[in-house]
Amino acid sequence: MHLLLRGFVILFAFGMACIAAGLVITLGFLLPEWRDVATTAAEQGTLGIVVGLTSFLVSGFAMIPAMIIILIAEGAAIRSILFYATAGAALALFCYYGLGLGFALDDRLATTGEGFFARAPELMTAAGIVAGFTYWLIAGRNAGRWRERHQPSF
């Protein structure tokens, strides 16, 4: 029963981490360049839709690698915030460069080293750190505790 409940907590925490990462990515791309567009989008309610779509894409790309990291952390009962922040940053950079997203954007859109997508690796790293921290807040602090047996106190 504890393991089933833990599975639901892990899925919820992963979803919240993806929403946090999507928010960081969306705001990171919109706010510095397009202040008027970002405020207009927030006023019209489309910012939530953009964050939701970005979160959906993040969850699609990160699901399998994140679950591998989560299984390792649960099995080894790793509860360190630094582990989750570092793992989130590494996972975000892996999804960006390892899956070919970064090279496609860098080749086509950031040829001069300046512009809209020039800071994409930094935004992905920041989104990974925020996602790792969010996951740690919800589920990572109790990693591996489902295996501990509680002795009744008399």
C-alpha atoms as a PDB file:
ATOM      1  CA  MET A   1       0.000   0.000   0.000  1.00  0.00           C
ATOM      2  CA  HIS A   2       2.831   2.372   0.843  1.00  0.00           C
ATOM      3  CA  LEU A   3       4.489   1.694  -2.490  1.00  0.00           C
ATOM      4  CA  LEU A   4       1.291   2.435  -4.431  1.00  0.00           C
ATOM      5  CA  LEU A   5       0.790   5.696  -2.552  1.00  0.00           C
ATOM      6  CA  ARG A   6       4.440   6.577  -3.160  1.00  0.00           C
ATOM      7  CA  GLY A   7       3.919   6.014  -6.888  1.00  0.00           C
ATOM      8  CA  PHE A   8       1.097   8.545  -6.924  1.00  0.00           C
ATOM      9  CA  VAL A   9       3.216  11.050  -4.993  1.00  0.00           C
ATOM     10  CA  ILE A  10       6.077  10.580  -7.463  1.00  0.00           C
ATOM     11  CA  LEU A  11       3.807  11.134 -10.482  1.00  0.00           C
ATOM     12  CA  PHE A  12       2.254  14.225  -8.883  1.00  0.00           C
ATOM     13  CA  ALA A  13       5.693  15.617  -8.000  1.00  0.00           C
ATOM     14  CA  PHE A  14       6.934  14.950 -11.534  1.00  0.00           C
ATOM     15  CA  GLY A  15       3.931  16.809 -12.952  1.00  0.00           C
ATOM     16  CA  MET A  16       4.484  19.777 -10.670  1.00  0.00           C
ATOM     17  CA  ALA A  17       8.191  19.804 -11.563  1.00  0.00           C
ATOM     18  CA  CYS A  18       7.282  19.877 -15.262  1.00  0.00           C
ATOM     19  CA  ILE A  19       4.908  22.789 -14.679  1.00  0.00           C
ATOM     20  CA  ALA A  20       7.640  24.669 -12.791  1.00  0.00           C
ATOM     21  CA  ALA A  21      10.128  23.998 -15.598  1.00  0.00           C
ATOM     22  CA  GLY A  22       7.586  25.087 -18.203  1.00  0.00           C
ATOM     23  CA  LEU A  23       6.989  28.319 -16.311  1.00  0.00           C
ATOM     24  CA  VAL A  24      10.726  29.062 -16.135  1.00  0.00           C
ATOM     25  CA  ILE A  25      11.217  28.335 -19.844  1.00  0.00           C
ATOM     26  CA  THR A  26       8.205  30.381 -20.915  1.00  0.00           C
ATOM     27  CA  LEU A  27       9.009  33.386 -18.768  1.00  0.00           C
ATOM     28  CA  GLY A  28      12.694  33.145 -19.618  1.00  0.00           C
ATOM     29  CA  PHE A  29      11.954  33.387 -23.316  1.00  0.00           C
ATOM     30  CA  LEU A  30       9.135  35.940 -23.152  1.00  0.00           C
ATOM     31  CA  LEU A  31      10.048  38.505 -20.542  1.00  0.00           C
ATOM     32  CA  PRO A  32      13.480  39.853 -21.557  1.00  0.00           C
ATOM     33  CA  GLU A  33      12.641  40.458 -25.199  1.00  0.00           C
ATOM     34  CA  TRP A  34       8.901  40.987 -25.328  1.00  0.00           C
ATOM     35  CA  ARG A  35       7.719  42.751 -22.226  1.00  0.00           C
ATOM     36  CA  ASP A  36       4.535  43.972 -23.896  1.00  0.00           C
ATOM     37  CA  VAL A  37       3.717  40.557 -25.332  1.00  0.00           C
ATOM     38  CA  ALA A  38       4.211  38.838 -21.975  1.00  0.00           C
ATOM     39  CA  THR A  39       1.998  41.306 -20.103  1.00  0.00           C
ATOM     40  CA  THR A  40      -0.664  41.138 -22.818  1.00  0.00           C
ATOM     41  CA  ALA A  41      -0.547  37.341 -22.729  1.00  0.00           C
ATOM     42  CA  ALA A  42      -0.891  37.372 -18.950  1.00  0.00           C
ATOM     43  CA  GLU A  43      -3.861  39.740 -19.145  1.00  0.00           C
ATOM     44  CA  GLN A  44      -5.649  37.661 -21.783  1.00  0.00           C
ATOM     45  CA  GLY A  45      -4.992  34.367 -20.051  1.00  0.00           C
ATOM     46  CA  THR A  46      -2.932  32.900 -22.861  1.00  0.00           C
ATOM     47  CA  LEU A  47       0.164  32.757 -20.694  1.00  0.00           C
ATOM     48  CA  GLY A  48      -1.359  29.805 -18.842  1.00  0.00           C
ATOM     49  CA  ILE A  49      -1.949  28.002 -22.117  1.00  0.00           C
ATOM     50  CA  VAL A  50       1.641  28.596 -23.240  1.00  0.00           C
ATOM     51  CA  VAL A  51       2.990  27.421 -19.881  1.00  0.00           C
ATOM     52  CA  GLY A  52       0.749  24.352 -20.074  1.00  0.00           C
ATOM     53  CA  LEU A  53       1.931  23.441 -23.557  1.00  0.00           C
ATOM     54  CA  THR A  54       5.559  23.991 -22.588  1.00  0.00           C
ATOM     55  CA  SER A  55       5.063  21.818 -19.505  1.00  0.00           C
ATOM     56  CA  PHE A  56       3.525  19.105 -21.662  1.00  0.00           C
ATOM     57  CA  LEU A  57       6.529  19.168 -23.994  1.00  0.00           C
ATOM     58  CA  VAL A  58       8.941  19.110 -21.065  1.00  0.00           C
ATOM     59  CA  SER A  59       7.166  16.111 -19.564  1.00  0.00           C
ATOM     60  CA  GLY A  60       7.217  14.297 -22.891  1.00  0.00           C
ATOM     61  CA  PHE A  61      10.942  14.713 -23.390  1.00  0.00           C
ATOM     62  CA  ALA A  62      11.941  14.158 -19.766  1.00  0.00           C
ATOM     63  CA  MET A  63       9.645  11.326 -18.671  1.00  0.00           C
ATOM     64  CA  ILE A  64      11.858   8.298 -19.250  1.00  0.00           C
ATOM     65  CA  PRO A  65      15.209   9.807 -18.147  1.00  0.00           C
ATOM     66  CA  ALA A  66      13.547  11.383 -15.107  1.00  0.00           C
ATOM     67  CA  MET A  67      11.955   8.104 -14.073  1.00  0.00           C
ATOM     68  CA  ILE A  68      15.366   6.403 -14.261  1.00  0.00           C
ATOM     69  CA  ILE A  69      16.836   9.087 -11.987  1.00  0.00           C
ATOM     70  CA  ILE A  70      13.842   8.820  -9.639  1.00  0.00           C
ATOM     71  CA  LEU A  71      14.176   5.024  -9.429  1.00  0.00           C
ATOM     72  CA  ILE A  72      17.867   5.357  -8.582  1.00  0.00           C
ATOM     73  CA  ALA A  73      17.113   7.995  -5.939  1.00  0.00           C
ATOM     74  CA  GLU A  74      14.300   5.933  -4.429  1.00  0.00           C
ATOM     75  CA  GLY A  75      16.373   2.759  -4.398  1.00  0.00           C
ATOM     76  CA  ALA A  76      19.359   4.443  -2.767  1.00  0.00           C
ATOM     77  CA  ALA A  77      17.161   6.645  -0.520  1.00  0.00           C
ATOM     78  CA  ILE A  78      18.866   9.822  -1.712  1.00  0.00           C
ATOM     79  CA  ARG A  79      17.234  12.823  -0.042  1.00  0.00           C
ATOM     80  CA  SER A  80      19.749  15.563  -0.812  1.00  0.00           C
ATOM     81  CA  ILE A  81      18.487  18.766  -2.365  1.00  0.00           C
ATOM     82  CA  LEU A  82      21.795  19.132  -4.194  1.00  0.00           C
ATOM     83  CA  PHE A  83      21.301  15.759  -5.858  1.00  0.00           C
ATOM     84  CA  TYR A  84      17.878  16.713  -7.198  1.00  0.00           C
ATOM     85  CA  ALA A  85      18.982  20.175  -8.350  1.00  0.00           C
ATOM     86  CA  THR A  86      22.061  18.750 -10.086  1.00  0.00           C
ATOM     87  CA  ALA A  87      20.097  15.869 -11.580  1.00  0.00           C
ATOM     88  CA  GLY A  88      17.459  18.313 -12.839  1.00  0.00           C
ATOM     89  CA  ALA A  89      20.078  20.516 -14.480  1.00  0.00           C
ATOM     90  CA  ALA A  90      21.831  17.525 -16.045  1.00  0.00           C
ATOM     91  CA  LEU A  91      18.536  16.089 -17.262  1.00  0.00           C
ATOM     92  CA  ALA A  92      17.505  19.402 -18.802  1.00  0.00           C
ATOM     93  CA  LEU A  93      20.821  19.748 -20.614  1.00  0.00           C
ATOM     94  CA  PHE A  94      20.591  16.120 -21.743  1.00  0.00           C
ATOM     95  CA  CYS A  95      17.139  16.739 -23.168  1.00  0.00           C
ATOM     96  CA  TYR A  96      18.353  19.924 -24.828  1.00  0.00           C
ATOM     97  CA  TYR A  97      21.581  18.642 -26.356  1.00  0.00           C
ATOM     98  CA  GLY A  98      21.230  14.874 -26.192  1.00  0.00           C
ATOM     99  CA  LEU A  99      17.935  14.736 -28.036  1.00  0.00           C
ATOM    100  CA  GLY A 100      19.099  17.154 -30.712  1.00  0.00           C
ATOM    101  CA  LEU A 101      16.949  20.119 -29.690  1.00  0.00           C
ATOM    102  CA  GLY A 102      19.867  22.390 -28.919  1.00  0.00           C
ATOM    103  CA  PHE A 103      21.777  21.679 -32.087  1.00  0.00           C
ATOM    104  CA  ALA A 104      18.754  22.321 -34.267  1.00  0.00           C
ATOM    105  CA  LEU A 105      18.062  25.642 -32.550  1.00  0.00           C
ATOM    106  CA  ASP A 106      21.720  26.660 -32.368  1.00  0.00           C
ATOM    107  CA  ASP A 107      22.357  25.962 -36.044  1.00  0.00           C
ATOM    108  CA  ARG A 108      19.275  27.687 -37.390  1.00  0.00           C
ATOM    109  CA  LEU A 109      18.473  30.508 -35.003  1.00  0.00           C
ATOM    110  CA  ALA A 110      21.539  31.441 -32.968  1.00  0.00           C
ATOM    111  CA  THR A 111      24.221  31.705 -35.629  1.00  0.00           C
ATOM    112  CA  THR A 112      25.527  35.035 -34.343  1.00  0.00           C
ATOM    113  CA  GLY A 113      25.607  34.064 -30.667  1.00  0.00           C
ATOM    114  CA  GLU A 114      23.096  36.787 -29.854  1.00  0.00           C
ATOM    115  CA  GLY A 115      19.365  36.943 -30.127  1.00  0.00           C
ATOM    116  CA  PHE A 116      16.290  35.122 -29.024  1.00  0.00           C
ATOM    117  CA  PHE A 117      17.664  31.580 -28.635  1.00  0.00           C
ATOM    118  CA  ALA A 118      21.232  32.463 -27.626  1.00  0.00           C
ATOM    119  CA  ARG A 119      20.458  31.941 -23.929  1.00  0.00           C
ATOM    120  CA  ALA A 120      18.525  28.684 -24.378  1.00  0.00           C
ATOM    121  CA  PRO A 121      21.080  26.416 -22.653  1.00  0.00           C
ATOM    122  CA  GLU A 122      21.097  28.683 -19.605  1.00  0.00           C
ATOM    123  CA  LEU A 123      17.292  28.703 -19.497  1.00  0.00           C
ATOM    124  CA  MET A 124      17.162  24.932 -19.781  1.00  0.00           C
ATOM    125  CA  THR A 125      19.670  24.578 -16.945  1.00  0.00           C
ATOM    126  CA  ALA A 126      17.680  26.973 -14.767  1.00  0.00           C
ATOM    127  CA  ALA A 127      14.455  25.139 -15.600  1.00  0.00           C
ATOM    128  CA  GLY A 128      16.090  21.844 -14.640  1.00  0.00           C
ATOM    129  CA  ILE A 129      17.291  23.217 -11.318  1.00  0.00           C
ATOM    130  CA  VAL A 130      13.828  24.612 -10.523  1.00  0.00           C
ATOM    131  CA  ALA A 131      12.216  21.322 -11.559  1.00  0.00           C
ATOM    132  CA  GLY A 132      14.629  19.344  -9.382  1.00  0.00           C
ATOM    133  CA  PHE A 133      13.968  21.634  -6.427  1.00  0.00           C
ATOM    134  CA  THR A 134      10.200  21.366  -6.943  1.00  0.00           C
ATOM    135  CA  TYR A 135      10.398  17.586  -7.109  1.00  0.00           C
ATOM    136  CA  TRP A 136      12.518  17.524  -3.960  1.00  0.00           C
ATOM    137  CA  LEU A 137       9.973  19.693  -2.102  1.00  0.00           C
ATOM    138  CA  ILE A 138       7.113  17.347  -2.906  1.00  0.00           C
ATOM    139  CA  ALA A 139       8.622  13.863  -3.083  1.00  0.00           C
ATOM    140  CA  GLY A 140      12.409  13.867  -2.897  1.00  0.00           C
ATOM    141  CA  ARG A 141      12.648  14.675   0.797  1.00  0.00           C
ATOM    142  CA  ASN A 142      11.040  11.340   1.588  1.00  0.00           C
ATOM    143  CA  ALA A 143      12.809   9.170  -0.988  1.00  0.00           C
ATOM    144  CA  GLY A 144      13.127   5.581   0.174  1.00  0.00           C
ATOM    145  CA  ARG A 145      11.095   6.044   3.348  1.00  0.00           C
ATOM    146  CA  TRP A 146       8.414   3.673   2.090  1.00  0.00           C
ATOM    147  CA  ARG A 147      10.871   0.794   2.704  1.00  0.00           C
ATOM    148  CA  GLU A 148      11.415   1.642   6.353  1.00  0.00           C
ATOM    149  CA  ARG A 149       9.476  -0.432   8.797  1.00  0.00           C
ATOM    150  CA  HIS A 150       7.877   1.479  11.608  1.00  0.00           C
ATOM    151  CA  GLN A 151       8.018  -0.203  14.987  1.00  0.00           C
ATOM    152  CA  PRO A 152       5.002   0.447  17.154  1.00  0.00           C
ATOM    153  CA  SER A 153       5.890   2.418  20.252  1.00  0.00           C
ATOM    154  CA  PHE A 154       4.599   1.068  23.556  1.00  0.00           C
END
